[in-house]
């Protein structure tokens, strides 16, 4: 699927009504770069709040593989590579291909599976999804503290957009149903 259709689905079909016009997705590949590598980002009101590119991801993966091999010498090369991919994604390092793969997974499974995915980018798409209502958001607030630091920001953005207050004890819906919350 071309990027323009992926972006249209993410921003128009899936994105929660309260976030439309505020969240934008961006991905590109550079034609003069070997293998057309590139970058991807998520913007909130024009400011990139999550961004990743190929070079940073490769460097992070190299160091993650080195660390994993040192900690677990019994693992095969294939197992080390698989663990390092998730390790760098957990650190917020990815490229446009990871972004496309996460969207493909998200687009082809239920919202419940996406919310519980091992892939943090898939969970990000799910948290921002219109199919996750206020009641489910309040229930999800329990897991915010245990989420990855960069992913926690997306939970808080969505809670704020829906008018749900969050504190250390959890979330509480304090807004009338017809309010259109501003970010």
Foldseek 3Di string as FASTA:
>chain_A
DDPVVLQCCLQPVWFAPLQRVFKGKDAAFDPVDVVRWTKIFIGGNRHTLAIEGDVVLVVQLVVQLVVVCVVCVPDDPVVSSVVSNLVSVLVRYDTVVLLVVLSVVLVPDDLVCQCVDSRLSSVLSSLRTNVCDPVNLQVCQVCLVVGRPSSSVSSVVSCQQQCWDADPVTIDRPDDPPDGGHD
